PDB file of N, CA and C in Angstrom:
ATOM      1  N   MET A   1       0.852  -1.181   0.000  1.00  0.00           N
ATOM      2  CA  MET A   1       0.000   0.000   0.000  1.00  0.00           C
ATOM      3  C   MET A   1       0.896   1.242   0.000  1.00  0.00           C
ATOM      4  N   VAL A   2       0.636   2.147  -0.893  1.00  0.00           N
ATOM      5  CA  VAL A   2       1.363   3.412  -0.953  1.00  0.00           C
ATOM      6  C   VAL A   2       0.543   4.457  -0.226  1.00  0.00           C
ATOM      7  N   GLY A   3       1.167   5.294   0.553  1.00  0.00           N
ATOM      8  CA  GLY A   3       0.421   6.325   1.269  1.00  0.00           C
ATOM      9  C   GLY A   3       1.300   7.069   2.239  1.00  0.00           C
ATOM     10  N   GLU A   4       0.693   7.507   3.300  1.00  0.00           N
ATOM     11  CA  GLU A   4       1.381   8.276   4.324  1.00  0.00           C
ATOM     12  C   GLU A   4       1.646   7.395   5.537  1.00  0.00           C
ATOM     13  N   GLU A   5       2.598   7.822   6.348  1.00  0.00           N
ATOM     14  CA  GLU A   5       2.757   7.244   7.675  1.00  0.00           C
ATOM     15  C   GLU A   5       1.777   7.982   8.580  1.00  0.00           C
ATOM     16  N   GLY A   6       1.230   7.293   9.558  1.00  0.00           N
ATOM     17  CA  GLY A   6       0.303   7.962  10.449  1.00  0.00           C
ATOM     18  C   GLY A   6      -0.024   7.150  11.674  1.00  0.00           C
ATOM     19  N   GLU A   7      -0.940   7.683  12.463  1.00  0.00           N
ATOM     20  CA  GLU A   7      -1.369   7.039  13.706  1.00  0.00           C
ATOM     21  C   GLU A   7      -2.888   6.985  13.764  1.00  0.00           C
ATOM     22  N   LEU A   8      -3.393   5.841  14.198  1.00  0.00           N
ATOM     23  CA  LEU A   8      -4.812   5.688  14.498  1.00  0.00           C
ATOM     24  C   LEU A   8      -4.925   5.633  16.012  1.00  0.00           C
ATOM     25  N   ARG A   9      -5.670   6.558  16.562  1.00  0.00           N
ATOM     26  CA  ARG A   9      -5.845   6.631  18.017  1.00  0.00           C
ATOM     27  C   ARG A   9      -7.321   6.638  18.365  1.00  0.00           C
ATOM     28  N   GLY A  10      -7.598   6.206  19.588  1.00  0.00           N
ATOM     29  CA  GLY A  10      -8.946   6.342  20.105  1.00  0.00           C
ATOM     30  C   GLY A  10      -9.267   7.825  20.256  1.00  0.00           C
ATOM     31  N   PRO A  11     -10.510   8.168  20.585  1.00  0.00           N
ATOM     32  CA  PRO A  11     -10.876   9.574  20.730  1.00  0.00           C
ATOM     33  C   PRO A  11     -10.037  10.276  21.797  1.00  0.00           C
ATOM     34  N   SER A  12      -9.785  11.554  21.580  1.00  0.00           N
ATOM     35  CA  SER A  12      -9.077  12.350  22.589  1.00  0.00           C
ATOM     36  C   SER A  12      -9.894  12.379  23.867  1.00  0.00           C
ATOM     37  N   MET A  13      -9.189  12.492  24.987  1.00  0.00           N
ATOM     38  CA  MET A  13      -9.848  12.496  26.289  1.00  0.00           C
ATOM     39  C   MET A  13      -9.471  13.759  27.055  1.00  0.00           C
ATOM     40  N   GLN A  14     -10.336  14.158  27.937  1.00  0.00           N
ATOM     41  CA  GLN A  14     -10.067  15.320  28.775  1.00  0.00           C
ATOM     42  C   GLN A  14      -9.032  14.947  29.822  1.00  0.00           C
ATOM     43  N   GLY A  15      -7.953  15.721  29.887  1.00  0.00           N
ATOM     44  CA  GLY A  15      -6.886  15.467  30.850  1.00  0.00           C
ATOM     45  C   GLY A  15      -7.193  16.098  32.194  1.00  0.00           C
ATOM     46  N   PRO A  16      -6.243  16.020  33.119  1.00  0.00           N
ATOM     47  CA  PRO A  16      -6.442  16.618  34.440  1.00  0.00           C
ATOM     48  C   PRO A  16      -6.493  18.138  34.345  1.00  0.00           C
ATOM     49  N   VAL A  17      -7.148  18.745  35.307  1.00  0.00           N
ATOM     50  CA  VAL A  17      -7.326  20.196  35.316  1.00  0.00           C
ATOM     51  C   VAL A  17      -5.981  20.919  35.472  1.00  0.00           C
ATOM     52  N   ASN A  18      -5.823  21.988  34.701  1.00  0.00           N
ATOM     53  CA  ASN A  18      -4.640  22.852  34.811  1.00  0.00           C
ATOM     54  C   ASN A  18      -4.832  23.828  35.968  1.00  0.00           C
ATOM     55  N   PRO A  19      -3.749  24.451  36.447  1.00  0.00           N
ATOM     56  CA  PRO A  19      -3.872  25.444  37.524  1.00  0.00           C
ATOM     57  C   PRO A  19      -4.821  26.600  37.172  1.00  0.00           C
ATOM     58  N   ASP A  20      -4.960  26.903  35.863  1.00  0.00           N
ATOM     59  CA  ASP A  20      -5.854  27.999  35.467  1.00  0.00           C
ATOM     60  C   ASP A  20      -7.314  27.562  35.329  1.00  0.00           C
ATOM     61  N   GLY A  21      -7.597  26.291  35.649  1.00  0.00           N
ATOM     62  CA  GLY A  21      -8.974  25.805  35.615  1.00  0.00           C
ATOM     63  C   GLY A  21      -9.402  25.211  34.287  1.00  0.00           C
ATOM     64  N   THR A  22      -8.518  25.170  33.298  1.00  0.00           N
ATOM     65  CA  THR A  22      -8.860  24.577  32.007  1.00  0.00           C
ATOM     66  C   THR A  22      -8.494  23.101  31.986  1.00  0.00           C
ATOM     67  N   TYR A  23      -9.151  22.368  31.123  1.00  0.00           N
ATOM     68  CA  TYR A  23      -8.892  20.943  30.970  1.00  0.00           C
ATOM     69  C   TYR A  23      -8.272  20.700  29.590  1.00  0.00           C
ATOM     70  N   PRO A  24      -7.004  20.303  29.541  1.00  0.00           N
ATOM     71  CA  PRO A  24      -6.385  20.022  28.239  1.00  0.00           C
ATOM     72  C   PRO A  24      -6.926  18.711  27.661  1.00  0.00           C
ATOM     73  N   MET A  25      -6.881  18.593  26.353  1.00  0.00           N
ATOM     74  CA  MET A  25      -7.280  17.348  25.703  1.00  0.00           C
ATOM     75  C   MET A  25      -6.030  16.485  25.501  1.00  0.00           C
ATOM     76  N   ALA A  26      -6.114  15.243  25.915  1.00  0.00           N
ATOM     77  CA  ALA A  26      -5.009  14.300  25.773  1.00  0.00           C
ATOM     78  C   ALA A  26      -5.312  13.364  24.606  1.00  0.00           C
ATOM     79  N   PRO A  27      -4.310  13.017  23.794  1.00  0.00           N
ATOM     80  CA  PRO A  27      -4.557  12.094  22.682  1.00  0.00           C
ATOM     81  C   PRO A  27      -5.076  10.760  23.202  1.00  0.00           C
ATOM     82  N   GLY A  28      -5.918  10.125  22.392  1.00  0.00           N
ATOM     83  CA  GLY A  28      -6.453   8.816  22.746  1.00  0.00           C
ATOM     84  C   GLY A  28      -5.394   7.729  22.663  1.00  0.00           C
ATOM     85  N   THR A  29      -5.766   6.535  23.055  1.00  0.00           N
ATOM     86  CA  THR A  29      -4.872   5.381  23.055  1.00  0.00           C
ATOM     87  C   THR A  29      -4.442   5.034  21.632  1.00  0.00           C
ATOM     88  N   LEU A  30      -3.157   4.799  21.448  1.00  0.00           N
ATOM     89  CA  LEU A  30      -2.625   4.421  20.141  1.00  0.00           C
ATOM     90  C   LEU A  30      -3.088   3.009  19.790  1.00  0.00           C
ATOM     91  N   LYS A  31      -3.768   2.866  18.645  1.00  0.00           N
ATOM     92  CA  LYS A  31      -4.245   1.562  18.177  1.00  0.00           C
ATOM     93  C   LYS A  31      -3.381   1.008  17.057  1.00  0.00           C
ATOM     94  N   TYR A  32      -2.827   1.907  16.224  1.00  0.00           N
ATOM     95  CA  TYR A  32      -2.023   1.478  15.082  1.00  0.00           C
ATOM     96  C   TYR A  32      -1.125   2.633  14.671  1.00  0.00           C
ATOM     97  N   ALA A  33       0.109   2.314  14.317  1.00  0.00           N
ATOM     98  CA  ALA A  33       1.030   3.297  13.740  1.00  0.00           C
ATOM     99  C   ALA A  33       1.675   2.644  12.535  1.00  0.00           C
ATOM    100  N   GLY A  34       1.608   3.314  11.399  1.00  0.00           N
ATOM    101  CA  GLY A  34       2.189   2.750  10.188  1.00  0.00           C
ATOM    102  C   GLY A  34       1.623   3.409   8.957  1.00  0.00           C
ATOM    103  N   ILE A  35       1.618   2.663   7.875  1.00  0.00           N
ATOM    104  CA  ILE A  35       1.214   3.188   6.584  1.00  0.00           C
ATOM    105  C   ILE A  35      -0.311   3.275   6.489  1.00  0.00           C
ATOM    106  N   GLY A  36      -0.791   4.286   5.795  1.00  0.00           N
ATOM    107  CA  GLY A  36      -2.208   4.469   5.538  1.00  0.00           C
ATOM    108  C   GLY A  36      -2.379   5.375   4.336  1.00  0.00           C
ATOM    109  N   LYS A  37      -3.587   5.483   3.848  1.00  0.00           N
ATOM    110  CA  LYS A  37      -3.837   6.300   2.663  1.00  0.00           C
ATOM    111  C   LYS A  37      -5.126   7.078   2.856  1.00  0.00           C
ATOM    112  N   VAL A  38      -5.075   8.387   2.612  1.00  0.00           N
ATOM    113  CA  VAL A  38      -6.270   9.240   2.638  1.00  0.00           C
ATOM    114  C   VAL A  38      -6.673   9.474   1.199  1.00  0.00           C
ATOM    115  N   GLN A  39      -7.945   9.275   0.887  1.00  0.00           N
ATOM    116  CA  GLN A  39      -8.407   9.571  -0.462  1.00  0.00           C
ATOM    117  C   GLN A  39      -9.850  10.023  -0.435  1.00  0.00           C
ATOM    118  N   THR A  40     -10.224  10.737  -1.488  1.00  0.00           N
ATOM    119  CA  THR A  40     -11.617  11.161  -1.609  1.00  0.00           C
ATOM    120  C   THR A  40     -12.404  10.038  -2.257  1.00  0.00           C
ATOM    121  N   THR A  41     -13.671   9.933  -1.913  1.00  0.00           N
ATOM    122  CA  THR A  41     -14.535   8.937  -2.543  1.00  0.00           C
ATOM    123  C   THR A  41     -15.321   9.564  -3.675  1.00  0.00           C
ATOM    124  N   GLU A  42     -15.325  10.885  -3.754  1.00  0.00           N
ATOM    125  CA  GLU A  42     -15.955  11.615  -4.851  1.00  0.00           C
ATOM    126  C   GLU A  42     -14.922  12.606  -5.362  1.00  0.00           C
ATOM    127  N   ALA A  43     -14.600  12.536  -6.618  1.00  0.00           N
ATOM    128  CA  ALA A  43     -13.524  13.366  -7.166  1.00  0.00           C
ATOM    129  C   ALA A  43     -13.761  14.854  -6.969  1.00  0.00           C
ATOM    130  N   LEU A  44     -14.978  15.325  -7.141  1.00  0.00           N
ATOM    131  CA  LEU A  44     -15.244  16.750  -7.058  1.00  0.00           C
ATOM    132  C   LEU A  44     -16.116  17.138  -5.878  1.00  0.00           C
ATOM    133  N   GLY A  45     -16.621  16.182  -5.148  1.00  0.00           N
ATOM    134  CA  GLY A  45     -17.555  16.516  -4.080  1.00  0.00           C
ATOM    135  C   GLY A  45     -18.905  16.855  -4.683  1.00  0.00           C
ATOM    136  N   HIS A  46     -19.826  17.298  -3.867  1.00  0.00           N
ATOM    137  CA  HIS A  46     -21.125  17.714  -4.377  1.00  0.00           C
ATOM    138  C   HIS A  46     -21.605  18.909  -3.580  1.00  0.00           C
ATOM    139  N   GLY A  47     -22.415  19.738  -4.218  1.00  0.00           N
ATOM    140  CA  GLY A  47     -22.895  20.961  -3.586  1.00  0.00           C
ATOM    141  C   GLY A  47     -24.179  20.736  -2.818  1.00  0.00           C
ATOM    142  N   THR A  48     -24.304  21.419  -1.722  1.00  0.00           N
ATOM    143  CA  THR A  48     -25.545  21.438  -0.964  1.00  0.00           C
ATOM    144  C   THR A  48     -25.872  22.886  -0.652  1.00  0.00           C
ATOM    145  N   ASP A  49     -27.145  23.183  -0.513  1.00  0.00           N
ATOM    146  CA  ASP A  49     -27.555  24.547  -0.177  1.00  0.00           C
ATOM    147  C   ASP A  49     -27.506  24.751   1.325  1.00  0.00           C
ATOM    148  N   ALA A  50     -26.898  25.840   1.725  1.00  0.00           N
ATOM    149  CA  ALA A  50     -26.866  26.247   3.126  1.00  0.00           C
ATOM    150  C   ALA A  50     -27.319  27.698   3.152  1.00  0.00           C
ATOM    151  N   GLY A  51     -28.595  27.895   3.339  1.00  0.00           N
ATOM    152  CA  GLY A  51     -29.134  29.252   3.235  1.00  0.00           C
ATOM    153  C   GLY A  51     -29.086  29.666   1.781  1.00  0.00           C
ATOM    154  N   GLU A  52     -28.391  30.730   1.488  1.00  0.00           N
ATOM    155  CA  GLU A  52     -28.273  31.202   0.116  1.00  0.00           C
ATOM    156  C   GLU A  52     -26.908  30.877  -0.483  1.00  0.00           C
ATOM    157  N   ARG A  53     -26.197  29.975   0.142  1.00  0.00           N
ATOM    158  CA  ARG A  53     -24.837  29.671  -0.293  1.00  0.00           C
ATOM    159  C   ARG A  53     -24.706  28.189  -0.635  1.00  0.00           C
ATOM    160  N   VAL A  54     -24.020  27.882  -1.713  1.00  0.00           N
ATOM    161  CA  VAL A  54     -23.740  26.486  -2.058  1.00  0.00           C
ATOM    162  C   VAL A  54     -22.432  26.095  -1.394  1.00  0.00           C
ATOM    163  N   VAL A  55     -22.454  25.003  -0.647  1.00  0.00           N
ATOM    164  CA  VAL A  55     -21.283  24.515   0.064  1.00  0.00           C
ATOM    165  C   VAL A  55     -20.874  23.190  -0.564  1.00  0.00           C
ATOM    166  N   MET A  56     -19.589  23.071  -0.920  1.00  0.00           N
ATOM    167  CA  MET A  56     -19.091  21.816  -1.488  1.00  0.00           C
ATOM    168  C   MET A  56     -18.694  20.868  -0.360  1.00  0.00           C
ATOM    169  N   GLU A  57     -19.181  19.648  -0.449  1.00  0.00           N
ATOM    170  CA  GLU A  57     -18.817  18.616   0.515  1.00  0.00           C
ATOM    171  C   GLU A  57     -17.984  17.567  -0.199  1.00  0.00           C
ATOM    172  N   THR A  58     -16.906  17.172   0.402  1.00  0.00           N
ATOM    173  CA  THR A  58     -16.070  16.114  -0.149  1.00  0.00           C
ATOM    174  C   THR A  58     -15.991  15.004   0.879  1.00  0.00           C
ATOM    175  N   ARG A  59     -16.181  13.786   0.424  1.00  0.00           N
ATOM    176  CA  ARG A  59     -16.123  12.640   1.332  1.00  0.00           C
ATOM    177  C   ARG A  59     -14.754  11.997   1.242  1.00  0.00           C
ATOM    178  N   PHE A  60     -14.248  11.591   2.405  1.00  0.00           N
ATOM    179  CA  PHE A  60     -12.914  10.995   2.493  1.00  0.00           C
ATOM    180  C   PHE A  60     -12.995   9.584   3.050  1.00  0.00           C
ATOM    181  N   GLU A  61     -12.018   8.785   2.661  1.00  0.00           N
ATOM    182  CA  GLU A  61     -11.797   7.483   3.269  1.00  0.00           C
ATOM    183  C   GLU A  61     -10.330   7.384   3.651  1.00  0.00           C
ATOM    184  N   VAL A  62     -10.068   6.638   4.709  1.00  0.00           N
ATOM    185  CA  VAL A  62      -8.708   6.267   5.071  1.00  0.00           C
ATOM    186  C   VAL A  62      -8.618   4.766   4.855  1.00  0.00           C
ATOM    187  N   HIS A  63      -7.580   4.338   4.158  1.00  0.00           N
ATOM    188  CA  HIS A  63      -7.337   2.920   3.929  1.00  0.00           C
ATOM    189  C   HIS A  63      -6.128   2.512   4.755  1.00  0.00           C
ATOM    190  N   LEU A  64      -6.300   1.468   5.546  1.00  0.00           N
ATOM    191  CA  LEU A  64      -5.221   0.910   6.364  1.00  0.00           C
ATOM    192  C   LEU A  64      -5.021  -0.547   5.971  1.00  0.00           C
ATOM    193  N   PRO A  65      -3.829  -1.100   6.204  1.00  0.00           N
ATOM    194  CA  PRO A  65      -3.618  -2.520   5.910  1.00  0.00           C
ATOM    195  C   PRO A  65      -4.568  -3.384   6.745  1.00  0.00           C
ATOM    196  N   MET A  66      -4.890  -4.555   6.237  1.00  0.00           N
ATOM    197  CA  MET A  66      -5.762  -5.473   6.973  1.00  0.00           C
ATOM    198  C   MET A  66      -5.136  -5.891   8.301  1.00  0.00           C
ATOM    199  N   SER A  67      -3.822  -5.774   8.422  1.00  0.00           N
ATOM    200  CA  SER A  67      -3.151  -6.133   9.675  1.00  0.00           C
ATOM    201  C   SER A  67      -3.308  -5.061  10.762  1.00  0.00           C
ATOM    202  N   ALA A  68      -3.814  -3.888  10.388  1.00  0.00           N
ATOM    203  CA  ALA A  68      -4.020  -2.816  11.372  1.00  0.00           C
ATOM    204  C   ALA A  68      -5.125  -3.206  12.347  1.00  0.00           C
ATOM    205  N   ALA A  69      -5.057  -2.650  13.532  1.00  0.00           N
ATOM    206  CA  ALA A  69      -6.093  -2.911  14.550  1.00  0.00           C
ATOM    207  C   ALA A  69      -7.449  -2.429  14.050  1.00  0.00           C
ATOM    208  N   GLN A  70      -8.497  -3.087  14.507  1.00  0.00           N
ATOM    209  CA  GLN A  70      -9.853  -2.689  14.143  1.00  0.00           C
ATOM    210  C   GLN A  70     -10.132  -1.280  14.669  1.00  0.00           C
ATOM    211  N   ALA A  71     -10.631  -0.423  13.815  1.00  0.00           N
ATOM    212  CA  ALA A  71     -10.982   0.940  14.208  1.00  0.00           C
ATOM    213  C   ALA A  71     -12.413   0.975  14.724  1.00  0.00           C
ATOM    214  N   ALA A  72     -12.763   2.070  15.365  1.00  0.00           N
ATOM    215  CA  ALA A  72     -14.116   2.290  15.859  1.00  0.00           C
ATOM    216  C   ALA A  72     -14.526   3.725  15.519  1.00  0.00           C
ATOM    217  N   VAL A  73     -15.823   3.952  15.484  1.00  0.00           N
ATOM    218  CA  VAL A  73     -16.330   5.306  15.251  1.00  0.00           C
ATOM    219  C   VAL A  73     -15.751   6.242  16.308  1.00  0.00           C
ATOM    220  N   ASP A  74     -15.359   7.419  15.903  1.00  0.00           N
ATOM    221  CA  ASP A  74     -14.740   8.477  16.712  1.00  0.00           C
ATOM    222  C   ASP A  74     -13.238   8.308  16.902  1.00  0.00           C
ATOM    223  N   ASP A  75     -12.639   7.198  16.426  1.00  0.00           N
ATOM    224  CA  ASP A  75     -11.180   7.119  16.410  1.00  0.00           C
ATOM    225  C   ASP A  75     -10.664   8.207  15.473  1.00  0.00           C
ATOM    226  N   VAL A  76      -9.377   8.503  15.552  1.00  0.00           N
ATOM    227  CA  VAL A  76      -8.799   9.587  14.749  1.00  0.00           C
ATOM    228  C   VAL A  76      -7.548   9.096  14.038  1.00  0.00           C
ATOM    229  N   TRP A  77      -7.494   9.316  12.716  1.00  0.00           N
ATOM    230  CA  TRP A  77      -6.295   9.035  11.909  1.00  0.00           C
ATOM    231  C   TRP A  77      -5.579  10.351  11.677  1.00  0.00           C
ATOM    232  N   THR A  78      -4.283  10.396  11.988  1.00  0.00           N
ATOM    233  CA  THR A  78      -3.475  11.595  11.782  1.00  0.00           C
ATOM    234  C   THR A  78      -2.217  11.217  11.015  1.00  0.00           C
ATOM    235  N   PRO A  79      -2.074  11.705   9.760  1.00  0.00           N
ATOM    236  CA  PRO A  79      -0.830  11.464   9.034  1.00  0.00           C
ATOM    237  C   PRO A  79       0.339  12.150   9.744  1.00  0.00           C
ATOM    238  N   THR A  80       1.445  11.428   9.895  1.00  0.00           N
ATOM    239  CA  THR A  80       2.633  11.980  10.556  1.00  0.00           C
ATOM    240  C   THR A  80       3.762  12.256   9.576  1.00  0.00           C
ATOM    241  N   ALA A  81       3.684  11.695   8.367  1.00  0.00           N
ATOM    242  CA  ALA A  81       4.681  11.943   7.321  1.00  0.00           C
ATOM    243  C   ALA A  81       4.059  11.607   5.977  1.00  0.00           C
ATOM    244  N   SER A  82       4.385  12.394   4.949  1.00  0.00           N
ATOM    245  CA  SER A  82       3.873  12.140   3.611  1.00  0.00           C
ATOM    246  C   SER A  82       4.868  12.642   2.579  1.00  0.00           C
ATOM    247  N   ALA A  83       5.337  11.738   1.735  1.00  0.00           N
ATOM    248  CA  ALA A  83       6.255  12.132   0.669  1.00  0.00           C
ATOM    249  C   ALA A  83       5.502  12.806  -0.470  1.00  0.00           C
ATOM    250  N   SER A  84       4.229  12.447  -0.673  1.00  0.00           N
ATOM    251  CA  SER A  84       3.484  12.971  -1.815  1.00  0.00           C
ATOM    252  C   SER A  84       2.686  14.239  -1.512  1.00  0.00           C
ATOM    253  N   ASP A  85       2.275  14.460  -0.260  1.00  0.00           N
ATOM    254  CA  ASP A  85       1.494  15.657   0.076  1.00  0.00           C
ATOM    255  C   ASP A  85       1.796  16.101   1.506  1.00  0.00           C
ATOM    256  N   PRO A  86       2.826  16.928   1.675  1.00  0.00           N
ATOM    257  CA  PRO A  86       3.207  17.375   3.018  1.00  0.00           C
ATOM    258  C   PRO A  86       2.096  18.134   3.756  1.00  0.00           C
ATOM    259  N   GLN A  87       1.110  18.667   3.023  1.00  0.00           N
ATOM    260  CA  GLN A  87       0.025  19.405   3.678  1.00  0.00           C
ATOM    261  C   GLN A  87      -0.908  18.494   4.463  1.00  0.00           C
ATOM    262  N   LEU A  88      -0.866  17.187   4.216  1.00  0.00           N
ATOM    263  CA  LEU A  88      -1.692  16.252   4.984  1.00  0.00           C
ATOM    264  C   LEU A  88      -1.160  16.029   6.394  1.00  0.00           C
ATOM    265  N   VAL A  89       0.134  16.215   6.577  1.00  0.00           N
ATOM    266  CA  VAL A  89       0.768  15.927   7.863  1.00  0.00           C
ATOM    267  C   VAL A  89       0.147  16.791   8.966  1.00  0.00           C
ATOM    268  N   GLY A  90      -0.294  16.123  10.029  1.00  0.00           N
ATOM    269  CA  GLY A  90      -0.874  16.813  11.171  1.00  0.00           C
ATOM    270  C   GLY A  90      -2.371  17.016  11.094  1.00  0.00           C
ATOM    271  N   LYS A  91      -2.995  16.802   9.929  1.00  0.00           N
ATOM    272  CA  LYS A  91      -4.453  16.913   9.850  1.00  0.00           C
ATOM    273  C   LYS A  91      -5.063  15.726  10.569  1.00  0.00           C
ATOM    274  N   ALA A  92      -6.234  15.918  11.110  1.00  0.00           N
ATOM    275  CA  ALA A  92      -6.908  14.847  11.844  1.00  0.00           C
ATOM    276  C   ALA A  92      -8.195  14.471  11.125  1.00  0.00           C
ATOM    277  N   PHE A  93      -8.409  13.165  10.962  1.00  0.00           N
ATOM    278  CA  PHE A  93      -9.601  12.644  10.304  1.00  0.00           C
ATOM    279  C   PHE A  93     -10.327  11.728  11.277  1.00  0.00           C
ATOM    280  N   ARG A  94     -11.545  12.119  11.666  1.00  0.00           N
ATOM    281  CA  ARG A  94     -12.354  11.343  12.615  1.00  0.00           C
ATOM    282  C   ARG A  94     -13.110  10.255  11.871  1.00  0.00           C
ATOM    283  N   VAL A  95     -13.094   9.053  12.408  1.00  0.00           N
ATOM    284  CA  VAL A  95     -13.822   7.943  11.802  1.00  0.00           C
ATOM    285  C   VAL A  95     -15.316   8.169  12.019  1.00  0.00           C
ATOM    286  N   ALA A  96     -16.053   8.289  10.908  1.00  0.00           N
ATOM    287  CA  ALA A  96     -17.499   8.496  10.970  1.00  0.00           C
ATOM    288  C   ALA A  96     -18.239   7.163  10.863  1.00  0.00           C
ATOM    289  N   SER A  97     -17.699   6.240  10.067  1.00  0.00           N
ATOM    290  CA  SER A  97     -18.289   4.906   9.965  1.00  0.00           C
ATOM    291  C   SER A  97     -17.259   3.945   9.381  1.00  0.00           C
ATOM    292  N   LEU A  98     -17.515   2.674   9.567  1.00  0.00           N
ATOM    293  CA  LEU A  98     -16.631   1.631   9.060  1.00  0.00           C
ATOM    294  C   LEU A  98     -17.231   1.076   7.777  1.00  0.00           C
ATOM    295  N   VAL A  99     -16.409   0.898   6.775  1.00  0.00           N
ATOM    296  CA  VAL A  99     -16.868   0.339   5.503  1.00  0.00           C
ATOM    297  C   VAL A  99     -16.639  -1.161   5.561  1.00  0.00           C
ATOM    298  N   GLN A 100     -17.695  -1.928   5.362  1.00  0.00           N
ATOM    299  CA  GLN A 100     -17.608  -3.384   5.429  1.00  0.00           C
ATOM    300  C   GLN A 100     -17.984  -3.967   4.071  1.00  0.00           C
ATOM    301  N   LYS A 101     -17.264  -4.988   3.648  1.00  0.00           N
ATOM    302  CA  LYS A 101     -17.631  -5.722   2.441  1.00  0.00           C
ATOM    303  C   LYS A 101     -16.834  -7.016   2.407  1.00  0.00           C
ATOM    304  N   SER A 102     -17.275  -7.941   1.575  1.00  0.00           N
ATOM    305  CA  SER A 102     -16.552  -9.199   1.400  1.00  0.00           C
ATOM    306  C   SER A 102     -15.278  -8.962   0.603  1.00  0.00           C
ATOM    307  N   TYR A 103     -14.264  -9.727   0.878  1.00  0.00           N
ATOM    308  CA  TYR A 103     -13.012  -9.716   0.120  1.00  0.00           C
ATOM    309  C   TYR A 103     -12.309  -8.365   0.134  1.00  0.00           C
ATOM    310  N   MET A 104     -12.318  -7.696   1.259  1.00  0.00           N
ATOM    311  CA  MET A 104     -11.616  -6.411   1.364  1.00  0.00           C
ATOM    312  C   MET A 104     -10.109  -6.643   1.299  1.00  0.00           C
ATOM    313  N   THR A 105      -9.420  -5.723   0.661  1.00  0.00           N
ATOM    314  CA  THR A 105      -7.962  -5.787   0.587  1.00  0.00           C
ATOM    315  C   THR A 105      -7.318  -4.777   1.523  1.00  0.00           C
ATOM    316  N   ALA A 106      -8.129  -3.902   2.111  1.00  0.00           N
ATOM    317  CA  ALA A 106      -7.645  -2.899   3.072  1.00  0.00           C
ATOM    318  C   ALA A 106      -8.800  -2.547   4.001  1.00  0.00           C
ATOM    319  N   ARG A 107      -8.473  -2.129   5.219  1.00  0.00           N
ATOM    320  CA  ARG A 107      -9.510  -1.609   6.117  1.00  0.00           C
ATOM    321  C   ARG A 107      -9.888  -0.225   5.607  1.00  0.00           C
ATOM    322  N   ARG A 108     -11.151  -0.014   5.331  1.00  0.00           N
ATOM    323  CA  ARG A 108     -11.612   1.274   4.818  1.00  0.00           C
ATOM    324  C   ARG A 108     -12.452   1.962   5.887  1.00  0.00           C
ATOM    325  N   LEU A 109     -12.095   3.202   6.155  1.00  0.00           N
ATOM    326  CA  LEU A 109     -12.769   3.987   7.189  1.00  0.00           C
ATOM    327  C   LEU A 109     -13.351   5.239   6.540  1.00  0.00           C
ATOM    328  N   ALA A 110     -14.632   5.435   6.635  1.00  0.00           N
ATOM    329  CA  ALA A 110     -15.236   6.681   6.176  1.00  0.00           C
ATOM    330  C   ALA A 110     -14.928   7.723   7.237  1.00  0.00           C
ATOM    331  N   VAL A 111     -14.281   8.808   6.832  1.00  0.00           N
ATOM    332  CA  VAL A 111     -13.792   9.808   7.791  1.00  0.00           C
ATOM    333  C   VAL A 111     -14.227  11.202   7.396  1.00  0.00           C
ATOM    334  N   GLU A 112     -14.137  12.107   8.364  1.00  0.00           N
ATOM    335  CA  GLU A 112     -14.343  13.524   8.107  1.00  0.00           C
ATOM    336  C   GLU A 112     -13.196  14.283   8.756  1.00  0.00           C
ATOM    337  N   GLU A 113     -12.709  15.298   8.031  1.00  0.00           N
ATOM    338  CA  GLU A 113     -11.608  16.092   8.557  1.00  0.00           C
ATOM    339  C   GLU A 113     -12.109  16.903   9.741  1.00  0.00           C
ATOM    340  N   THR A 114     -11.346  16.883  10.825  1.00  0.00           N
ATOM    341  CA  THR A 114     -11.741  17.657  11.998  1.00  0.00           C
ATOM    342  C   THR A 114     -11.083  19.016  11.938  1.00  0.00           C
ATOM    343  N   GLN A 115     -11.710  19.976  12.537  1.00  0.00           N
ATOM    344  CA  GLN A 115     -11.168  21.342  12.601  1.00  0.00           C
ATOM    345  C   GLN A 115     -10.559  21.529  13.980  1.00  0.00           C
ATOM    346  N   SER A 116      -9.331  22.035  14.006  1.00  0.00           N
ATOM    347  CA  SER A 116      -8.678  22.228  15.311  1.00  0.00           C
ATOM    348  C   SER A 116      -8.820  23.643  15.781  1.00  0.00           C
TER     349      SER A 116
END
């Protein structure tokens, strides 16, 4: 599989309280670290109306090797290195649903990019 290096983690968790009263978010438990691939499932996305504005939505999938740990909804894939697209590094993709089918050659995760 050609793609990026990255990490699949469980959902972020609220850490212990800081002296200023805020709660930092701690990364979730590491489930898999290794190769993965982010790709769109629709080449151009599709438009939806939001009030008087058309908003383009693009759907993404993350493909992991079958040897990777089973993912769950709300897990997060974060590319840590990419030779082909350095702009992907550090972006976070939340697992929205798991793609299931017979004879899969890779674990496919329907994801959405999270905003930090």
